[in-house]
Amino acid sequence: MISDEDDVSFKARLDRMERRTPSLLAHPHYGPLVRAAGDVELLEEMRIEWREREERARARKLRWEASISEG
């Protein structure tokens, strides 16, 4: 399910999660808290959503290019 958030802010949020989650998981205190909060699963869901967003953007571009070439 793709959220209502625009692509730019979603990608920024995904990038922040990509940077912080591995370091928090490696920390002896915060690692178990991050796992319990479900951040690992959330990060994977965000990666899947980003791939879907990229696929949709490619499809839009292809449709646009096809409409231009027909005209």
PDB file of N, CA and C in Angstrom:
ATOM      1  N   MET A   1       0.850  -1.187   0.000  1.00  0.00           N
ATOM      2  CA  MET A   1       0.000   0.000   0.000  1.00  0.00           C
ATOM      3  C   MET A   1       0.885   1.235   0.000  1.00  0.00           C
ATOM      4  N   ILE A   2       0.674   2.079  -0.950  1.00  0.00           N
ATOM      5  CA  ILE A   2       1.470   3.297  -1.052  1.00  0.00           C
ATOM      6  C   ILE A   2       0.784   4.393  -0.234  1.00  0.00           C
ATOM      7  N   SER A   3       1.571   5.040   0.592  1.00  0.00           N
ATOM      8  CA  SER A   3       1.032   6.082   1.467  1.00  0.00           C
ATOM      9  C   SER A   3       0.744   7.353   0.672  1.00  0.00           C
ATOM     10  N   ASP A   4       0.100   8.312   1.322  1.00  0.00           N
ATOM     11  CA  ASP A   4      -0.249   9.584   0.687  1.00  0.00           C
ATOM     12  C   ASP A   4       0.919  10.562   0.674  1.00  0.00           C
ATOM     13  N   GLU A   5       2.007  10.207   1.314  1.00  0.00           N
ATOM     14  CA  GLU A   5       3.178  11.076   1.396  1.00  0.00           C
ATOM     15  C   GLU A   5       3.811  11.237   0.016  1.00  0.00           C
ATOM     16  N   ASP A   6       4.296  12.455  -0.284  1.00  0.00           N
ATOM     17  CA  ASP A   6       4.916  12.658  -1.587  1.00  0.00           C
ATOM     18  C   ASP A   6       6.269  11.932  -1.644  1.00  0.00           C
ATOM     19  N   ASP A   7       6.746  11.691  -2.856  1.00  0.00           N
ATOM     20  CA  ASP A   7       7.946  10.880  -3.066  1.00  0.00           C
ATOM     21  C   ASP A   7       9.191  11.479  -2.408  1.00  0.00           C
ATOM     22  N   VAL A   8       9.337  12.788  -2.472  1.00  0.00           N
ATOM     23  CA  VAL A   8      10.539  13.430  -1.935  1.00  0.00           C
ATOM     24  C   VAL A   8      10.623  13.247  -0.419  1.00  0.00           C
ATOM     25  N   SER A   9       9.550  13.527   0.283  1.00  0.00           N
ATOM     26  CA  SER A   9       9.590  13.388   1.743  1.00  0.00           C
ATOM     27  C   SER A   9       9.656  11.920   2.157  1.00  0.00           C
ATOM     28  N   PHE A  10       9.016  11.036   1.388  1.00  0.00           N
ATOM     29  CA  PHE A  10       9.096   9.617   1.707  1.00  0.00           C
ATOM     30  C   PHE A  10      10.532   9.123   1.559  1.00  0.00           C
ATOM     31  N   LYS A  11      11.205   9.520   0.465  1.00  0.00           N
ATOM     32  CA  LYS A  11      12.585   9.086   0.235  1.00  0.00           C
ATOM     33  C   LYS A  11      13.498   9.640   1.324  1.00  0.00           C
ATOM     34  N   ALA A  12      13.271  10.867   1.760  1.00  0.00           N
ATOM     35  CA  ALA A  12      14.068  11.444   2.834  1.00  0.00           C
ATOM     36  C   ALA A  12      13.882  10.658   4.129  1.00  0.00           C
ATOM     37  N   ARG A  13      12.643  10.286   4.427  1.00  0.00           N
ATOM     38  CA  ARG A  13      12.370   9.501   5.632  1.00  0.00           C
ATOM     39  C   ARG A  13      12.983   8.113   5.534  1.00  0.00           C
ATOM     40  N   LEU A  14      12.914   7.495   4.352  1.00  0.00           N
ATOM     41  CA  LEU A  14      13.538   6.187   4.134  1.00  0.00           C
ATOM     42  C   LEU A  14      15.049   6.277   4.317  1.00  0.00           C
ATOM     43  N   ASP A  15      15.661   7.314   3.773  1.00  0.00           N
ATOM     44  CA  ASP A  15      17.109   7.483   3.917  1.00  0.00           C
ATOM     45  C   ASP A  15      17.519   7.639   5.383  1.00  0.00           C
ATOM     46  N   ARG A  16      16.715   8.378   6.145  1.00  0.00           N
ATOM     47  CA  ARG A  16      17.012   8.516   7.577  1.00  0.00           C
ATOM     48  C   ARG A  16      16.917   7.171   8.284  1.00  0.00           C
ATOM     49  N   MET A  17      15.900   6.385   7.946  1.00  0.00           N
ATOM     50  CA  MET A  17      15.748   5.055   8.547  1.00  0.00           C
ATOM     51  C   MET A  17      16.917   4.153   8.155  1.00  0.00           C
ATOM     52  N   GLU A  18      17.348   4.242   6.893  1.00  0.00           N
ATOM     53  CA  GLU A  18      18.472   3.428   6.415  1.00  0.00           C
ATOM     54  C   GLU A  18      19.753   3.761   7.179  1.00  0.00           C
ATOM     55  N   ARG A  19      19.933   5.028   7.529  1.00  0.00           N
ATOM     56  CA  ARG A  19      21.145   5.447   8.242  1.00  0.00           C
ATOM     57  C   ARG A  19      21.101   5.085   9.724  1.00  0.00           C
ATOM     58  N   ARG A  20      19.956   5.266  10.359  1.00  0.00           N
ATOM     59  CA  ARG A  20      19.936   5.128  11.814  1.00  0.00           C
ATOM     60  C   ARG A  20      19.693   3.706  12.302  1.00  0.00           C
ATOM     61  N   THR A  21      18.908   2.925  11.586  1.00  0.00           N
ATOM     62  CA  THR A  21      18.523   1.607  12.073  1.00  0.00           C
ATOM     63  C   THR A  21      19.703   0.673  12.297  1.00  0.00           C
ATOM     64  N   PRO A  22      20.650   0.540  11.346  1.00  0.00           N
ATOM     65  CA  PRO A  22      21.778  -0.376  11.596  1.00  0.00           C
ATOM     66  C   PRO A  22      22.613   0.006  12.822  1.00  0.00           C
ATOM     67  N   SER A  23      22.854   1.299  13.022  1.00  0.00           N
ATOM     68  CA  SER A  23      23.654   1.702  14.177  1.00  0.00           C
ATOM     69  C   SER A  23      22.898   1.478  15.480  1.00  0.00           C
ATOM     70  N   LEU A  24      21.586   1.705  15.459  1.00  0.00           N
ATOM     71  CA  LEU A  24      20.799   1.452  16.667  1.00  0.00           C
ATOM     72  C   LEU A  24      20.724  -0.043  16.971  1.00  0.00           C
ATOM     73  N   LEU A  25      20.601  -0.864  15.931  1.00  0.00           N
ATOM     74  CA  LEU A  25      20.563  -2.313  16.141  1.00  0.00           C
ATOM     75  C   LEU A  25      21.872  -2.824  16.737  1.00  0.00           C
ATOM     76  N   ALA A  26      22.988  -2.209  16.382  1.00  0.00           N
ATOM     77  CA  ALA A  26      24.289  -2.644  16.873  1.00  0.00           C
ATOM     78  C   ALA A  26      24.533  -2.216  18.321  1.00  0.00           C
ATOM     79  N   HIS A  27      23.782  -1.264  18.807  1.00  0.00           N
ATOM     80  CA  HIS A  27      23.970  -0.756  20.163  1.00  0.00           C
ATOM     81  C   HIS A  27      23.403  -1.769  21.167  1.00  0.00           C
ATOM     82  N   PRO A  28      24.146  -2.056  22.245  1.00  0.00           N
ATOM     83  CA  PRO A  28      23.671  -3.072  23.200  1.00  0.00           C
ATOM     84  C   PRO A  28      22.374  -2.691  23.927  1.00  0.00           C
ATOM     85  N   HIS A  29      22.150  -1.406  24.140  1.00  0.00           N
ATOM     86  CA  HIS A  29      20.935  -0.988  24.844  1.00  0.00           C
ATOM     87  C   HIS A  29      19.771  -0.774  23.877  1.00  0.00           C
ATOM     88  N   TYR A  30      20.034  -0.058  22.794  1.00  0.00           N
ATOM     89  CA  TYR A  30      18.958   0.321  21.877  1.00  0.00           C
ATOM     90  C   TYR A  30      18.565  -0.790  20.911  1.00  0.00           C
ATOM     91  N   GLY A  31      19.449  -1.736  20.650  1.00  0.00           N
ATOM     92  CA  GLY A  31      19.155  -2.820  19.724  1.00  0.00           C
ATOM     93  C   GLY A  31      17.869  -3.560  20.049  1.00  0.00           C
ATOM     94  N   PRO A  32      17.733  -4.076  21.280  1.00  0.00           N
ATOM     95  CA  PRO A  32      16.484  -4.780  21.626  1.00  0.00           C
ATOM     96  C   PRO A  32      15.245  -3.875  21.579  1.00  0.00           C
ATOM     97  N   LEU A  33      15.424  -2.600  21.924  1.00  0.00           N
ATOM     98  CA  LEU A  33      14.293  -1.673  21.879  1.00  0.00           C
ATOM     99  C   LEU A  33      13.821  -1.434  20.445  1.00  0.00           C
ATOM    100  N   VAL A  34      14.795  -1.297  19.532  1.00  0.00           N
ATOM    101  CA  VAL A  34      14.470  -1.070  18.124  1.00  0.00           C
ATOM    102  C   VAL A  34      13.767  -2.295  17.546  1.00  0.00           C
ATOM    103  N   ARG A  35      14.258  -3.480  17.892  1.00  0.00           N
ATOM    104  CA  ARG A  35      13.614  -4.709  17.405  1.00  0.00           C
ATOM    105  C   ARG A  35      12.197  -4.828  17.958  1.00  0.00           C
ATOM    106  N   ALA A  36      12.028  -4.524  19.228  1.00  0.00           N
ATOM    107  CA  ALA A  36      10.709  -4.619  19.861  1.00  0.00           C
ATOM    108  C   ALA A  36       9.732  -3.602  19.277  1.00  0.00           C
ATOM    109  N   ALA A  37      10.246  -2.450  18.878  1.00  0.00           N
ATOM    110  CA  ALA A  37       9.388  -1.418  18.301  1.00  0.00           C
ATOM    111  C   ALA A  37       8.983  -1.745  16.865  1.00  0.00           C
ATOM    112  N   GLY A  38       9.648  -2.719  16.261  1.00  0.00           N
ATOM    113  CA  GLY A  38       9.292  -3.121  14.899  1.00  0.00           C
ATOM    114  C   GLY A  38       9.943  -2.290  13.815  1.00  0.00           C
ATOM    115  N   ASP A  39      11.032  -1.598  14.161  1.00  0.00           N
ATOM    116  CA  ASP A  39      11.695  -0.751  13.170  1.00  0.00           C
ATOM    117  C   ASP A  39      12.297  -1.548  12.025  1.00  0.00           C
ATOM    118  N   VAL A  40      12.742  -2.766  12.295  1.00  0.00           N
ATOM    119  CA  VAL A  40      13.327  -3.590  11.233  1.00  0.00           C
ATOM    120  C   VAL A  40      12.262  -3.917  10.192  1.00  0.00           C
ATOM    121  N   GLU A  41      11.082  -4.297  10.641  1.00  0.00           N
ATOM    122  CA  GLU A  41       9.986  -4.611   9.737  1.00  0.00           C
ATOM    123  C   GLU A  41       9.505  -3.361   9.009  1.00  0.00           C
ATOM    124  N   LEU A  42       9.446  -2.247   9.737  1.00  0.00           N
ATOM    125  CA  LEU A  42       9.034  -0.986   9.126  1.00  0.00           C
ATOM    126  C   LEU A  42      10.000  -0.587   8.017  1.00  0.00           C
ATOM    127  N   LEU A  43      11.294  -0.746   8.267  1.00  0.00           N
ATOM    128  CA  LEU A  43      12.290  -0.414   7.260  1.00  0.00           C
ATOM    129  C   LEU A  43      12.100  -1.272   6.017  1.00  0.00           C
ATOM    130  N   GLU A  44      11.850  -2.542   6.182  1.00  0.00           N
ATOM    131  CA  GLU A  44      11.639  -3.428   5.031  1.00  0.00           C
ATOM    132  C   GLU A  44      10.368  -3.045   4.274  1.00  0.00           C
ATOM    133  N   GLU A  45       9.309  -2.688   4.995  1.00  0.00           N
ATOM    134  CA  GLU A  45       8.077  -2.248   4.337  1.00  0.00           C
ATOM    135  C   GLU A  45       8.313  -0.960   3.555  1.00  0.00           C
ATOM    136  N   MET A  46       9.114  -0.058   4.116  1.00  0.00           N
ATOM    137  CA  MET A  46       9.416   1.195   3.427  1.00  0.00           C
ATOM    138  C   MET A  46      10.238   0.929   2.169  1.00  0.00           C
ATOM    139  N   ARG A  47      11.160  -0.016   2.230  1.00  0.00           N
ATOM    140  CA  ARG A  47      11.946  -0.368   1.037  1.00  0.00           C
ATOM    141  C   ARG A  47      11.033  -0.914  -0.061  1.00  0.00           C
ATOM    142  N   ILE A  48      10.089  -1.765   0.322  1.00  0.00           N
ATOM    143  CA  ILE A  48       9.143  -2.329  -0.644  1.00  0.00           C
ATOM    144  C   ILE A  48       8.297  -1.221  -1.262  1.00  0.00           C
ATOM    145  N   GLU A  49       7.820  -0.306  -0.425  1.00  0.00           N
ATOM    146  CA  GLU A  49       7.001   0.795  -0.934  1.00  0.00           C
ATOM    147  C   GLU A  49       7.812   1.667  -1.883  1.00  0.00           C
ATOM    148  N   TRP A  50       9.089   1.911  -1.585  1.00  0.00           N
ATOM    149  CA  TRP A  50       9.914   2.736  -2.463  1.00  0.00           C
ATOM    150  C   TRP A  50      10.081   2.069  -3.831  1.00  0.00           C
ATOM    151  N   ARG A  51      10.274   0.754  -3.823  1.00  0.00           N
ATOM    152  CA  ARG A  51      10.385   0.040  -5.102  1.00  0.00           C
ATOM    153  C   ARG A  51       9.080   0.161  -5.894  1.00  0.00           C
ATOM    154  N   GLU A  52       7.939   0.078  -5.220  1.00  0.00           N
ATOM    155  CA  GLU A  52       6.649   0.251  -5.895  1.00  0.00           C
ATOM    156  C   GLU A  52       6.512   1.656  -6.465  1.00  0.00           C
ATOM    157  N   ARG A  53       6.949   2.642  -5.704  1.00  0.00           N
ATOM    158  CA  ARG A  53       6.890   4.022  -6.179  1.00  0.00           C
ATOM    159  C   ARG A  53       7.763   4.206  -7.420  1.00  0.00           C
ATOM    160  N   GLU A  54       8.952   3.598  -7.398  1.00  0.00           N
ATOM    161  CA  GLU A  54       9.833   3.697  -8.560  1.00  0.00           C
ATOM    162  C   GLU A  54       9.222   3.020  -9.776  1.00  0.00           C
ATOM    163  N   GLU A  55       8.599   1.859  -9.588  1.00  0.00           N
ATOM    164  CA  GLU A  55       7.951   1.152 -10.690  1.00  0.00           C
ATOM    165  C   GLU A  55       6.816   1.979 -11.276  1.00  0.00           C
ATOM    166  N   ARG A  56       6.033   2.605 -10.424  1.00  0.00           N
ATOM    167  CA  ARG A  56       4.933   3.442 -10.903  1.00  0.00           C
ATOM    168  C   ARG A  56       5.458   4.654 -11.661  1.00  0.00           C
ATOM    169  N   ALA A  57       6.544   5.241 -11.172  1.00  0.00           N
ATOM    170  CA  ALA A  57       7.132   6.394 -11.865  1.00  0.00           C
ATOM    171  C   ALA A  57       7.650   5.982 -13.244  1.00  0.00           C
ATOM    172  N   ARG A  58       8.281   4.807 -13.337  1.00  0.00           N
ATOM    173  CA  ARG A  58       8.749   4.319 -14.637  1.00  0.00           C
ATOM    174  C   ARG A  58       7.572   4.075 -15.579  1.00  0.00           C
ATOM    175  N   ALA A  59       6.501   3.499 -15.071  1.00  0.00           N
ATOM    176  CA  ALA A  59       5.321   3.246 -15.897  1.00  0.00           C
ATOM    177  C   ALA A  59       4.710   4.554 -16.395  1.00  0.00           C
ATOM    178  N   ARG A  60       4.642   5.564 -15.533  1.00  0.00           N
ATOM    179  CA  ARG A  60       4.119   6.868 -15.947  1.00  0.00           C
ATOM    180  C   ARG A  60       4.987   7.466 -17.049  1.00  0.00           C
ATOM    181  N   LYS A  61       6.299   7.340 -16.887  1.00  0.00           N
ATOM    182  CA  LYS A  61       7.217   7.880 -17.879  1.00  0.00           C
ATOM    183  C   LYS A  61       7.047   7.164 -19.217  1.00  0.00           C
ATOM    184  N   LEU A  62       6.922   5.850 -19.179  1.00  0.00           N
ATOM    185  CA  LEU A  62       6.733   5.095 -20.418  1.00  0.00           C
ATOM    186  C   LEU A  62       5.420   5.469 -21.103  1.00  0.00           C
ATOM    187  N   ARG A  63       4.349   5.635 -20.318  1.00  0.00           N
ATOM    188  CA  ARG A  63       3.071   6.038 -20.901  1.00  0.00           C
ATOM    189  C   ARG A  63       3.174   7.424 -21.526  1.00  0.00           C
ATOM    190  N   TRP A  64       3.877   8.314 -20.850  1.00  0.00           N
ATOM    191  CA  TRP A  64       4.053   9.670 -21.369  1.00  0.00           C
ATOM    192  C   TRP A  64       4.850   9.638 -22.663  1.00  0.00           C
ATOM    193  N   GLU A  65       5.949   8.865 -22.688  1.00  0.00           N
ATOM    194  CA  GLU A  65       6.764   8.767 -23.901  1.00  0.00           C
ATOM    195  C   GLU A  65       5.962   8.160 -25.042  1.00  0.00           C
ATOM    196  N   ALA A  66       5.122   7.175 -24.752  1.00  0.00           N
ATOM    197  CA  ALA A  66       4.299   6.565 -25.785  1.00  0.00           C
ATOM    198  C   ALA A  66       3.284   7.556 -26.328  1.00  0.00           C
ATOM    199  N   SER A  67       2.716   8.367 -25.460  1.00  0.00           N
ATOM    200  CA  SER A  67       1.727   9.353 -25.924  1.00  0.00           C
ATOM    201  C   SER A  67       2.385  10.441 -26.768  1.00  0.00           C
ATOM    202  N   ILE A  68       3.608  10.801 -26.446  1.00  0.00           N
ATOM    203  CA  ILE A  68       4.327  11.817 -27.222  1.00  0.00           C
ATOM    204  C   ILE A  68       4.671  11.271 -28.606  1.00  0.00           C
ATOM    205  N   SER A  69       5.100  10.007 -28.664  1.00  0.00           N
ATOM    206  CA  SER A  69       5.494   9.429 -29.948  1.00  0.00           C
ATOM    207  C   SER A  69       4.301   9.215 -30.868  1.00  0.00           C
ATOM    208  N   GLU A  70       3.108   9.016 -30.304  1.00  0.00           N
ATOM    209  CA  GLU A  70       1.907   8.836 -31.114  1.00  0.00           C
ATOM    210  C   GLU A  70       1.464  10.148 -31.764  1.00  0.00           C
ATOM    211  N   GLY A  71       1.659  11.223 -31.023  1.00  0.00           N
ATOM    212  CA  GLY A  71       1.145  12.523 -31.420  1.00  0.00           C
ATOM    213  C   GLY A  71       1.762  13.106 -32.590  1.00  0.00           C
TER     214      GLY A  71
END
